[in-house]
């Protein structure tokens, strides 16, 4: 007996309703590739994404999604996404799945 069957036993008059599908906003894609750089600042590795030509709000949304998916810290400054740590491979595969062109720059 699963959870739905238990609820039907408790509330026999209740009718199931379908949840409305929420559409995710699409991010504007571009022709030029997003540059994925690796740098060290004060001895700590960081990954920098730059070269996005779309809306700033879309790029901020992308930054938040990357940070939550990788469970790392980071920021958005001067039209660049700065991620703490060397996550170039994971970020590049994530962006390619979304349809972006990505170019790896640096070591």
PDB file of N, CA and C in Angstrom:
ATOM      1  N   UNK A   1       0.852  -1.174   0.000  1.00  0.00           N
ATOM      2  CA  UNK A   1       0.000   0.000   0.000  1.00  0.00           C
ATOM      3  C   UNK A   1       0.901   1.241   0.000  1.00  0.00           C
ATOM      4  N   UNK A   2       0.749   2.047  -1.025  1.00  0.00           N
ATOM      5  CA  UNK A   2       1.584   3.237  -1.105  1.00  0.00           C
ATOM      6  C   UNK A   2       0.881   4.430  -0.454  1.00  0.00           C
ATOM      7  N   UNK A   3       1.525   5.542  -0.533  1.00  0.00           N
ATOM      8  CA  UNK A   3       1.068   6.749   0.145  1.00  0.00           C
ATOM      9  C   UNK A   3      -0.278   7.234  -0.393  1.00  0.00           C
ATOM     10  N   UNK A   4      -0.475   7.165  -1.709  1.00  0.00           N
ATOM     11  CA  UNK A   4      -1.741   7.630  -2.297  1.00  0.00           C
ATOM     12  C   UNK A   4      -2.917   6.766  -1.842  1.00  0.00           C
ATOM     13  N   UNK A   5      -2.707   5.464  -1.734  1.00  0.00           N
ATOM     14  CA  UNK A   5      -3.777   4.581  -1.268  1.00  0.00           C
ATOM     15  C   UNK A   5      -4.146   4.881   0.182  1.00  0.00           C
ATOM     16  N   UNK A   6      -3.153   5.177   0.990  1.00  0.00           N
ATOM     17  CA  UNK A   6      -3.423   5.524   2.383  1.00  0.00           C
ATOM     18  C   UNK A   6      -4.233   6.802   2.482  1.00  0.00           C
ATOM     19  N   UNK A   7      -3.892   7.786   1.625  1.00  0.00           N
ATOM     20  CA  UNK A   7      -4.647   9.038   1.630  1.00  0.00           C
ATOM     21  C   UNK A   7      -6.085   8.820   1.166  1.00  0.00           C
ATOM     22  N   UNK A   8      -6.291   7.934   0.182  1.00  0.00           N
ATOM     23  CA  UNK A   8      -7.652   7.640  -0.287  1.00  0.00           C
ATOM     24  C   UNK A   8      -8.477   6.995   0.818  1.00  0.00           C
ATOM     25  N   UNK A   9      -7.845   6.152   1.643  1.00  0.00           N
ATOM     26  CA  UNK A   9      -8.556   5.543   2.763  1.00  0.00           C
ATOM     27  C   UNK A   9      -8.930   6.581   3.812  1.00  0.00           C
ATOM     28  N   UNK A  10      -8.058   7.541   4.049  1.00  0.00           N
ATOM     29  CA  UNK A  10      -8.336   8.574   5.051  1.00  0.00           C
ATOM     30  C   UNK A  10      -9.364   9.593   4.569  1.00  0.00           C
ATOM     31  N   UNK A  11      -9.291   9.954   3.281  1.00  0.00           N
ATOM     32  CA  UNK A  11     -10.165  10.976   2.709  1.00  0.00           C
ATOM     33  C   UNK A  11     -10.862  10.431   1.466  1.00  0.00           C
ATOM     34  N   UNK A  12     -11.927   9.641   1.629  1.00  0.00           N
ATOM     35  CA  UNK A  12     -12.567   9.009   0.470  1.00  0.00           C
ATOM     36  C   UNK A  12     -13.292   9.998  -0.446  1.00  0.00           C
ATOM     37  N   UNK A  13     -13.740  11.152   0.062  1.00  0.00           N
ATOM     38  CA  UNK A  13     -14.475  12.117  -0.762  1.00  0.00           C
ATOM     39  C   UNK A  13     -13.559  12.975  -1.632  1.00  0.00           C
ATOM     40  N   UNK A  14     -12.278  13.006  -1.278  1.00  0.00           N
ATOM     41  CA  UNK A  14     -11.335  13.890  -1.982  1.00  0.00           C
ATOM     42  C   UNK A  14     -11.060  13.387  -3.400  1.00  0.00           C
ATOM     43  N   UNK A  15     -11.113  14.316  -4.364  1.00  0.00           N
ATOM     44  CA  UNK A  15     -10.799  13.972  -5.754  1.00  0.00           C
ATOM     45  C   UNK A  15      -9.424  14.524  -6.093  1.00  0.00           C
ATOM     46  N   UNK A  16      -8.657  13.726  -6.798  1.00  0.00           N
ATOM     47  CA  UNK A  16      -7.305  14.133  -7.171  1.00  0.00           C
ATOM     48  C   UNK A  16      -7.354  15.206  -8.247  1.00  0.00           C
ATOM     49  N   UNK A  17      -6.517  16.202  -8.100  1.00  0.00           N
ATOM     50  CA  UNK A  17      -6.403  17.245  -9.121  1.00  0.00           C
ATOM     51  C   UNK A  17      -5.003  17.201  -9.706  1.00  0.00           C
ATOM     52  N   UNK A  18      -4.933  17.523 -10.965  1.00  0.00           N
ATOM     53  CA  UNK A  18      -3.628  17.540 -11.624  1.00  0.00           C
ATOM     54  C   UNK A  18      -2.916  18.837 -11.298  1.00  0.00           C
ATOM     55  N   UNK A  19      -1.619  18.737 -11.066  1.00  0.00           N
ATOM     56  CA  UNK A  19      -0.836  19.933 -10.794  1.00  0.00           C
ATOM     57  C   UNK A  19      -0.555  20.640 -12.106  1.00  0.00           C
ATOM     58  N   UNK A  20      -0.682  21.960 -12.125  1.00  0.00           N
ATOM     59  CA  UNK A  20      -0.388  22.676 -13.370  1.00  0.00           C
ATOM     60  C   UNK A  20       1.104  22.600 -13.688  1.00  0.00           C
ATOM     61  N   UNK A  21       1.396  22.421 -14.948  1.00  0.00           N
ATOM     62  CA  UNK A  21       2.793  22.347 -15.364  1.00  0.00           C
ATOM     63  C   UNK A  21       3.379  23.747 -15.391  1.00  0.00           C
ATOM     64  N   UNK A  22       4.517  23.901 -14.715  1.00  0.00           N
ATOM     65  CA  UNK A  22       5.193  25.193 -14.661  1.00  0.00           C
ATOM     66  C   UNK A  22       6.299  25.183 -15.704  1.00  0.00           C
ATOM     67  N   UNK A  23       6.225  26.133 -16.613  1.00  0.00           N
ATOM     68  CA  UNK A  23       7.245  26.213 -17.648  1.00  0.00           C
ATOM     69  C   UNK A  23       8.437  26.987 -17.136  1.00  0.00           C
ATOM     70  N   UNK A  24       9.612  26.420 -17.326  1.00  0.00           N
ATOM     71  CA  UNK A  24      10.820  27.144 -16.955  1.00  0.00           C
ATOM     72  C   UNK A  24      11.117  28.164 -18.040  1.00  0.00           C
ATOM     73  N   UNK A  25      11.600  29.308 -17.614  1.00  0.00           N
ATOM     74  CA  UNK A  25      11.941  30.324 -18.598  1.00  0.00           C
ATOM     75  C   UNK A  25      13.179  29.876 -19.376  1.00  0.00           C
ATOM     76  N   UNK A  26      13.141  30.115 -20.657  1.00  0.00           N
ATOM     77  CA  UNK A  26      14.260  29.695 -21.490  1.00  0.00           C
ATOM     78  C   UNK A  26      15.330  30.769 -21.487  1.00  0.00           C
ATOM     79  N   UNK A  27      16.548  30.328 -21.529  1.00  0.00           N
ATOM     80  CA  UNK A  27      17.681  31.245 -21.548  1.00  0.00           C
ATOM     81  C   UNK A  27      18.057  31.491 -22.998  1.00  0.00           C
ATOM     82  N   UNK A  28      18.310  32.739 -23.319  1.00  0.00           N
ATOM     83  CA  UNK A  28      18.632  33.115 -24.678  1.00  0.00           C
ATOM     84  C   UNK A  28      19.987  32.546 -25.060  1.00  0.00           C
ATOM     85  N   UNK A  29      20.015  31.813 -26.178  1.00  0.00           N
ATOM     86  CA  UNK A  29      21.263  31.216 -26.633  1.00  0.00           C
ATOM     87  C   UNK A  29      21.988  32.185 -27.557  1.00  0.00           C
ATOM     88  N   UNK A  30      23.277  31.973 -27.725  1.00  0.00           N
ATOM     89  CA  UNK A  30      24.094  32.919 -28.467  1.00  0.00           C
ATOM     90  C   UNK A  30      24.960  32.198 -29.485  1.00  0.00           C
ATOM     91  N   UNK A  31      25.577  32.977 -30.381  1.00  0.00           N
ATOM     92  CA  UNK A  31      26.429  32.411 -31.423  1.00  0.00           C
ATOM     93  C   UNK A  31      27.849  32.187 -30.923  1.00  0.00           C
ATOM     94  N   UNK A  32      28.412  33.150 -30.203  1.00  0.00           N
ATOM     95  CA  UNK A  32      29.778  33.033 -29.700  1.00  0.00           C
ATOM     96  C   UNK A  32      29.803  32.106 -28.482  1.00  0.00           C
ATOM     97  N   UNK A  33      30.884  31.352 -28.311  1.00  0.00           N
ATOM     98  CA  UNK A  33      30.948  30.446 -27.156  1.00  0.00           C
ATOM     99  C   UNK A  33      31.186  31.191 -25.849  1.00  0.00           C
ATOM    100  N   UNK A  34      30.715  30.603 -24.770  1.00  0.00           N
ATOM    101  CA  UNK A  34      30.998  31.116 -23.433  1.00  0.00           C
ATOM    102  C   UNK A  34      32.386  30.623 -23.051  1.00  0.00           C
ATOM    103  N   UNK A  35      33.236  31.523 -22.573  1.00  0.00           N
ATOM    104  CA  UNK A  35      34.594  31.161 -22.198  1.00  0.00           C
ATOM    105  C   UNK A  35      34.622  30.649 -20.763  1.00  0.00           C
ATOM    106  N   UNK A  36      35.219  29.496 -20.579  1.00  0.00           N
ATOM    107  CA  UNK A  36      35.335  28.873 -19.261  1.00  0.00           C
ATOM    108  C   UNK A  36      36.810  28.886 -18.867  1.00  0.00           C
ATOM    109  N   UNK A  37      37.189  29.811 -17.966  1.00  0.00           N
ATOM    110  CA  UNK A  37      38.583  30.000 -17.582  1.00  0.00           C
ATOM    111  C   UNK A  37      38.868  29.412 -16.213  1.00  0.00           C
ATOM    112  N   UNK A  38      40.129  29.098 -16.001  1.00  0.00           N
ATOM    113  CA  UNK A  38      40.612  28.640 -14.707  1.00  0.00           C
ATOM    114  C   UNK A  38      41.694  29.605 -14.254  1.00  0.00           C
ATOM    115  N   UNK A  39      41.572  30.112 -13.041  1.00  0.00           N
ATOM    116  CA  UNK A  39      42.574  31.012 -12.478  1.00  0.00           C
ATOM    117  C   UNK A  39      42.803  30.656 -11.019  1.00  0.00           C
ATOM    118  N   UNK A  40      43.882  31.207 -10.501  1.00  0.00           N
ATOM    119  CA  UNK A  40      44.137  31.110  -9.063  1.00  0.00           C
ATOM    120  C   UNK A  40      44.228  32.528  -8.534  1.00  0.00           C
ATOM    121  N   UNK A  41      43.447  32.801  -7.513  1.00  0.00           N
ATOM    122  CA  UNK A  41      43.487  34.094  -6.848  1.00  0.00           C
ATOM    123  C   UNK A  41      43.795  33.859  -5.375  1.00  0.00           C
ATOM    124  N   UNK A  42      44.878  34.448  -4.930  1.00  0.00           N
ATOM    125  CA  UNK A  42      45.351  34.275  -3.551  1.00  0.00           C
ATOM    126  C   UNK A  42      45.545  32.801  -3.222  1.00  0.00           C
ATOM    127  N   UNK A  43      46.017  32.038  -4.211  1.00  0.00           N
ATOM    128  CA  UNK A  43      46.305  30.628  -4.005  1.00  0.00           C
ATOM    129  C   UNK A  43      45.099  29.709  -4.095  1.00  0.00           C
ATOM    130  N   UNK A  44      43.918  30.255  -4.294  1.00  0.00           N
ATOM    131  CA  UNK A  44      42.703  29.443  -4.355  1.00  0.00           C
ATOM    132  C   UNK A  44      42.238  29.329  -5.807  1.00  0.00           C
ATOM    133  N   UNK A  45      41.846  28.128  -6.253  1.00  0.00           N
ATOM    134  CA  UNK A  45      41.383  27.966  -7.631  1.00  0.00           C
ATOM    135  C   UNK A  45      39.956  28.494  -7.811  1.00  0.00           C
ATOM    136  N   UNK A  46      39.721  29.145  -8.942  1.00  0.00           N
ATOM    137  CA  UNK A  46      38.375  29.604  -9.288  1.00  0.00           C
ATOM    138  C   UNK A  46      38.113  29.315 -10.759  1.00  0.00           C
ATOM    139  N   UNK A  47      36.854  29.197 -11.098  1.00  0.00           N
ATOM    140  CA  UNK A  47      36.414  29.021 -12.477  1.00  0.00           C
ATOM    141  C   UNK A  47      35.614  30.253 -12.857  1.00  0.00           C
ATOM    142  N   UNK A  48      35.945  30.838 -14.011  1.00  0.00           N
ATOM    143  CA  UNK A  48      35.286  32.061 -14.459  1.00  0.00           C
ATOM    144  C   UNK A  48      34.576  31.778 -15.781  1.00  0.00           C
ATOM    145  N   UNK A  49      33.304  32.171 -15.866  1.00  0.00           N
ATOM    146  CA  UNK A  49      32.531  32.080 -17.103  1.00  0.00           C
ATOM    147  C   UNK A  49      32.259  33.489 -17.589  1.00  0.00           C
ATOM    148  N   UNK A  50      32.600  33.763 -18.847  1.00  0.00           N
ATOM    149  CA  UNK A  50      32.349  35.082 -19.400  1.00  0.00           C
ATOM    150  C   UNK A  50      32.070  34.967 -20.883  1.00  0.00           C
ATOM    151  N   UNK A  51      31.552  36.043 -21.452  1.00  0.00           N
ATOM    152  CA  UNK A  51      31.281  36.068 -22.878  1.00  0.00           C
ATOM    153  C   UNK A  51      29.827  35.857 -23.219  1.00  0.00           C
ATOM    154  N   UNK A  52      28.925  35.918 -22.246  1.00  0.00           N
ATOM    155  CA  UNK A  52      27.499  35.768 -22.509  1.00  0.00           C
ATOM    156  C   UNK A  52      26.953  37.101 -22.997  1.00  0.00           C
ATOM    157  N   UNK A  53      26.228  37.085 -24.105  1.00  0.00           N
ATOM    158  CA  UNK A  53      25.746  38.333 -24.691  1.00  0.00           C
ATOM    159  C   UNK A  53      24.257  38.565 -24.487  1.00  0.00           C
ATOM    160  N   UNK A  54      23.593  37.693 -23.736  1.00  0.00           N
ATOM    161  CA  UNK A  54      22.152  37.824 -23.507  1.00  0.00           C
ATOM    162  C   UNK A  54      21.847  38.791 -22.376  1.00  0.00           C
ATOM    163  N   UNK A  55      20.663  38.650 -21.829  1.00  0.00           N
ATOM    164  CA  UNK A  55      20.213  39.514 -20.737  1.00  0.00           C
ATOM    165  C   UNK A  55      20.961  39.172 -19.447  1.00  0.00           C
ATOM    166  N   UNK A  56      21.212  40.177 -18.646  1.00  0.00           N
ATOM    167  CA  UNK A  56      21.933  40.001 -17.397  1.00  0.00           C
ATOM    168  C   UNK A  56      21.147  39.120 -16.425  1.00  0.00           C
ATOM    169  N   UNK A  57      19.831  39.267 -16.425  1.00  0.00           N
ATOM    170  CA  UNK A  57      19.014  38.463 -15.511  1.00  0.00           C
ATOM    171  C   UNK A  57      19.106  36.975 -15.846  1.00  0.00           C
ATOM    172  N   UNK A  58      19.197  36.644 -17.150  1.00  0.00           N
ATOM    173  CA  UNK A  58      19.351  35.246 -17.548  1.00  0.00           C
ATOM    174  C   UNK A  58      20.690  34.684 -17.074  1.00  0.00           C
ATOM    175  N   UNK A  59      21.734  35.493 -17.174  1.00  0.00           N
ATOM    176  CA  UNK A  59      23.071  35.057 -16.760  1.00  0.00           C
ATOM    177  C   UNK A  59      23.118  34.874 -15.246  1.00  0.00           C
ATOM    178  N   UNK A  60      22.417  35.737 -14.501  1.00  0.00           N
ATOM    179  CA  UNK A  60      22.347  35.586 -13.046  1.00  0.00           C
ATOM    180  C   UNK A  60      21.599  34.301 -12.678  1.00  0.00           C
ATOM    181  N   UNK A  61      20.532  34.011 -13.424  1.00  0.00           N
ATOM    182  CA  UNK A  61      19.777  32.788 -13.201  1.00  0.00           C
ATOM    183  C   UNK A  61      20.648  31.562 -13.450  1.00  0.00           C
ATOM    184  N   UNK A  62      21.455  31.626 -14.507  1.00  0.00           N
ATOM    185  CA  UNK A  62      22.372  30.537 -14.831  1.00  0.00           C
ATOM    186  C   UNK A  62      23.417  30.370 -13.730  1.00  0.00           C
ATOM    187  N   UNK A  63      23.909  31.475 -13.192  1.00  0.00           N
ATOM    188  CA  UNK A  63      24.895  31.423 -12.108  1.00  0.00           C
ATOM    189  C   UNK A  63      24.303  30.740 -10.878  1.00  0.00           C
ATOM    190  N   UNK A  64      23.085  31.085 -10.545  1.00  0.00           N
ATOM    191  CA  UNK A  64      22.439  30.487  -9.382  1.00  0.00           C
ATOM    192  C   UNK A  64      22.236  28.991  -9.589  1.00  0.00           C
ATOM    193  N   UNK A  65      21.835  28.598 -10.788  1.00  0.00           N
ATOM    194  CA  UNK A  65      21.617  27.184 -11.071  1.00  0.00           C
ATOM    195  C   UNK A  65      22.920  26.385 -10.978  1.00  0.00           C
ATOM    196  N   UNK A  66      24.004  26.951 -11.500  1.00  0.00           N
ATOM    197  CA  UNK A  66      25.305  26.268 -11.440  1.00  0.00           C
ATOM    198  C   UNK A  66      25.748  26.107  -9.990  1.00  0.00           C
ATOM    199  N   UNK A  67      25.606  27.170  -9.207  1.00  0.00           N
ATOM    200  CA  UNK A  67      26.046  27.114  -7.805  1.00  0.00           C
ATOM    201  C   UNK A  67      25.242  26.093  -7.011  1.00  0.00           C
ATOM    202  N   UNK A  68      23.939  26.032  -7.219  1.00  0.00           N
ATOM    203  CA  UNK A  68      23.133  25.081  -6.455  1.00  0.00           C
ATOM    204  C   UNK A  68      23.371  23.652  -6.923  1.00  0.00           C
ATOM    205  N   UNK A  69      23.568  23.461  -8.212  1.00  0.00           N
ATOM    206  CA  UNK A  69      23.780  22.112  -8.737  1.00  0.00           C
ATOM    207  C   UNK A  69      25.115  21.531  -8.286  1.00  0.00           C
ATOM    208  N   UNK A  70      26.142  22.374  -8.205  1.00  0.00           N
ATOM    209  CA  UNK A  70      27.465  21.910  -7.789  1.00  0.00           C
ATOM    210  C   UNK A  70      27.694  22.049  -6.284  1.00  0.00           C
ATOM    211  N   UNK A  71      26.782  22.706  -5.594  1.00  0.00           N
ATOM    212  CA  UNK A  71      26.885  22.947  -4.145  1.00  0.00           C
ATOM    213  C   UNK A  71      28.184  23.663  -3.787  1.00  0.00           C
ATOM    214  N   UNK A  72      28.441  24.760  -4.497  1.00  0.00           N
ATOM    215  CA  UNK A  72      29.640  25.549  -4.245  1.00  0.00           C
ATOM    216  C   UNK A  72      29.251  27.017  -4.130  1.00  0.00           C
ATOM    217  N   UNK A  73      30.194  27.815  -3.675  1.00  0.00           N
ATOM    218  CA  UNK A  73      29.983  29.243  -3.585  1.00  0.00           C
ATOM    219  C   UNK A  73      30.418  29.922  -4.864  1.00  0.00           C
ATOM    220  N   UNK A  74      30.012  31.149  -5.011  1.00  0.00           N
ATOM    221  CA  UNK A  74      30.398  31.906  -6.181  1.00  0.00           C
ATOM    222  C   UNK A  74      29.700  33.249  -6.190  1.00  0.00           C
ATOM    223  N   UNK A  75      29.929  34.001  -7.260  1.00  0.00           N
ATOM    224  CA  UNK A  75      29.306  35.313  -7.364  1.00  0.00           C
ATOM    225  C   UNK A  75      29.129  35.685  -8.827  1.00  0.00           C
ATOM    226  N   UNK A  76      28.421  36.792  -9.032  1.00  0.00           N
ATOM    227  CA  UNK A  76      28.212  37.343 -10.364  1.00  0.00           C
ATOM    228  C   UNK A  76      28.662  38.793 -10.326  1.00  0.00           C
ATOM    229  N   UNK A  77      29.754  39.095 -11.035  1.00  0.00           N
ATOM    230  CA  UNK A  77      30.293  40.457 -11.046  1.00  0.00           C
ATOM    231  C   UNK A  77      30.744  40.809 -12.454  1.00  0.00           C
ATOM    232  N   UNK A  78      30.477  42.026 -12.880  1.00  0.00           N
ATOM    233  CA  UNK A  78      30.969  42.570 -14.151  1.00  0.00           C
ATOM    234  C   UNK A  78      30.691  41.621 -15.322  1.00  0.00           C
ATOM    235  N   UNK A  79      29.474  41.105 -15.408  1.00  0.00           N
ATOM    236  CA  UNK A  79      29.065  40.175 -16.466  1.00  0.00           C
ATOM    237  C   UNK A  79      29.926  38.921 -16.512  1.00  0.00           C
ATOM    238  N   UNK A  80      30.394  38.464 -15.356  1.00  0.00           N
ATOM    239  CA  UNK A  80      31.168  37.233 -15.242  1.00  0.00           C
ATOM    240  C   UNK A  80      30.601  36.418 -14.090  1.00  0.00           C
ATOM    241  N   UNK A  81      30.584  35.098 -14.260  1.00  0.00           N
ATOM    242  CA  UNK A  81      30.225  34.199 -13.172  1.00  0.00           C
ATOM    243  C   UNK A  81      31.524  33.659 -12.592  1.00  0.00           C
ATOM    244  N   UNK A  82      31.702  33.820 -11.296  1.00  0.00           N
ATOM    245  CA  UNK A  82      32.904  33.339 -10.622  1.00  0.00           C
ATOM    246  C   UNK A  82      32.483  32.220  -9.681  1.00  0.00           C
ATOM    247  N   UNK A  83      33.014  31.008  -9.914  1.00  0.00           N
ATOM    248  CA  UNK A  83      32.702  29.834  -9.118  1.00  0.00           C
ATOM    249  C   UNK A  83      33.947  29.438  -8.335  1.00  0.00           C
ATOM    250  N   UNK A  84      33.790  29.178  -7.046  1.00  0.00           N
ATOM    251  CA  UNK A  84      34.917  28.772  -6.211  1.00  0.00           C
ATOM    252  C   UNK A  84      35.292  27.328  -6.504  1.00  0.00           C
ATOM    253  N   UNK A  85      36.549  27.102  -6.892  1.00  0.00           N
ATOM    254  CA  UNK A  85      37.029  25.749  -7.178  1.00  0.00           C
ATOM    255  C   UNK A  85      37.184  25.522  -8.675  1.00  0.00           C
ATOM    256  N   UNK A  86      37.824  24.414  -9.020  1.00  0.00           N
ATOM    257  CA  UNK A  86      38.043  24.061 -10.418  1.00  0.00           C
ATOM    258  C   UNK A  86      36.953  23.081 -10.858  1.00  0.00           C
ATOM    259  N   UNK A  87      35.884  23.613 -11.433  1.00  0.00           N
ATOM    260  CA  UNK A  87      34.755  22.809 -11.874  1.00  0.00           C
ATOM    261  C   UNK A  87      34.516  22.961 -13.368  1.00  0.00           C
ATOM    262  N   UNK A  88      35.591  23.150 -14.140  1.00  0.00           N
ATOM    263  CA  UNK A  88      35.427  23.391 -15.571  1.00  0.00           C
ATOM    264  C   UNK A  88      34.709  22.255 -16.279  1.00  0.00           C
ATOM    265  N   UNK A  89      35.101  21.014 -15.995  1.00  0.00           N
ATOM    266  CA  UNK A  89      34.500  19.885 -16.708  1.00  0.00           C
ATOM    267  C   UNK A  89      33.005  19.760 -16.429  1.00  0.00           C
ATOM    268  N   UNK A  90      32.608  19.850 -15.160  1.00  0.00           N
ATOM    269  CA  UNK A  90      31.206  19.730 -14.808  1.00  0.00           C
ATOM    270  C   UNK A  90      30.383  20.882 -15.385  1.00  0.00           C
ATOM    271  N   UNK A  91      30.925  22.104 -15.323  1.00  0.00           N
ATOM    272  CA  UNK A  91      30.205  23.269 -15.828  1.00  0.00           C
ATOM    273  C   UNK A  91      30.061  23.187 -17.340  1.00  0.00           C
ATOM    274  N   UNK A  92      31.120  22.751 -18.012  1.00  0.00           N
ATOM    275  CA  UNK A  92      31.062  22.662 -19.468  1.00  0.00           C
ATOM    276  C   UNK A  92      30.034  21.625 -19.919  1.00  0.00           C
ATOM    277  N   UNK A  93      29.974  20.480 -19.260  1.00  0.00           N
ATOM    278  CA  UNK A  93      28.972  19.479 -19.639  1.00  0.00           C
ATOM    279  C   UNK A  93      27.563  19.983 -19.330  1.00  0.00           C
ATOM    280  N   UNK A  94      27.402  20.706 -18.222  1.00  0.00           N
ATOM    281  CA  UNK A  94      26.101  21.255 -17.858  1.00  0.00           C
ATOM    282  C   UNK A  94      25.619  22.262 -18.910  1.00  0.00           C
ATOM    283  N   UNK A  95      26.532  23.137 -19.357  1.00  0.00           N
ATOM    284  CA  UNK A  95      26.167  24.145 -20.341  1.00  0.00           C
ATOM    285  C   UNK A  95      25.910  23.524 -21.721  1.00  0.00           C
ATOM    286  N   UNK A  96      26.668  22.486 -22.069  1.00  0.00           N
ATOM    287  CA  UNK A  96      26.439  21.813 -23.350  1.00  0.00           C
ATOM    288  C   UNK A  96      25.087  21.118 -23.371  1.00  0.00           C
ATOM    289  N   UNK A  97      24.652  20.571 -22.231  1.00  0.00           N
ATOM    290  CA  UNK A  97      23.328  19.956 -22.140  1.00  0.00           C
ATOM    291  C   UNK A  97      22.229  20.986 -22.366  1.00  0.00           C
ATOM    292  N   UNK A  98      22.484  22.230 -21.947  1.00  0.00           N
ATOM    293  CA  UNK A  98      21.509  23.297 -22.125  1.00  0.00           C
ATOM    294  C   UNK A  98      21.531  23.872 -23.543  1.00  0.00           C
ATOM    295  N   UNK A  99      22.544  23.507 -24.343  1.00  0.00           N
ATOM    296  CA  UNK A  99      22.604  23.978 -25.713  1.00  0.00           C
ATOM    297  C   UNK A  99      23.583  25.100 -25.965  1.00  0.00           C
ATOM    298  N   UNK A 100      24.388  25.448 -24.981  1.00  0.00           N
ATOM    299  CA  UNK A 100      25.382  26.505 -25.151  1.00  0.00           C
ATOM    300  C   UNK A 100      26.638  25.957 -25.825  1.00  0.00           C
ATOM    301  N   UNK A 101      27.347  26.837 -26.495  1.00  0.00           N
ATOM    302  CA  UNK A 101      28.679  26.512 -26.991  1.00  0.00           C
ATOM    303  C   UNK A 101      29.664  27.005 -25.926  1.00  0.00           C
ATOM    304  N   UNK A 102      30.596  26.134 -25.562  1.00  0.00           N
ATOM    305  CA  UNK A 102      31.535  26.469 -24.484  1.00  0.00           C
ATOM    306  C   UNK A 102      32.944  26.242 -24.985  1.00  0.00           C
ATOM    307  N   UNK A 103      33.830  27.178 -24.635  1.00  0.00           N
ATOM    308  CA  UNK A 103      35.229  27.062 -25.018  1.00  0.00           C
ATOM    309  C   UNK A 103      36.081  27.069 -23.759  1.00  0.00           C
ATOM    310  N   UNK A 104      36.977  26.097 -23.650  1.00  0.00           N
ATOM    311  CA  UNK A 104      37.854  25.987 -22.480  1.00  0.00           C
ATOM    312  C   UNK A 104      39.094  26.849 -22.697  1.00  0.00           C
ATOM    313  N   UNK A 105      39.398  27.691 -21.709  1.00  0.00           N
ATOM    314  CA  UNK A 105      40.535  28.599 -21.796  1.00  0.00           C
ATOM    315  C   UNK A 105      41.396  28.392 -20.552  1.00  0.00           C
ATOM    316  N   UNK A 106      42.721  28.314 -20.756  1.00  0.00           N
ATOM    317  CA  UNK A 106      43.650  28.207 -19.620  1.00  0.00           C
ATOM    318  C   UNK A 106      43.924  26.769 -19.243  1.00  0.00           C
ATOM    319  N   UNK A 107      45.013  26.569 -18.497  1.00  0.00           N
ATOM    320  CA  UNK A 107      45.541  25.303 -18.029  1.00  0.00           C
ATOM    321  C   UNK A 107      44.681  24.182 -17.882  1.00  0.00           C
TER     322      UNK A 107
END
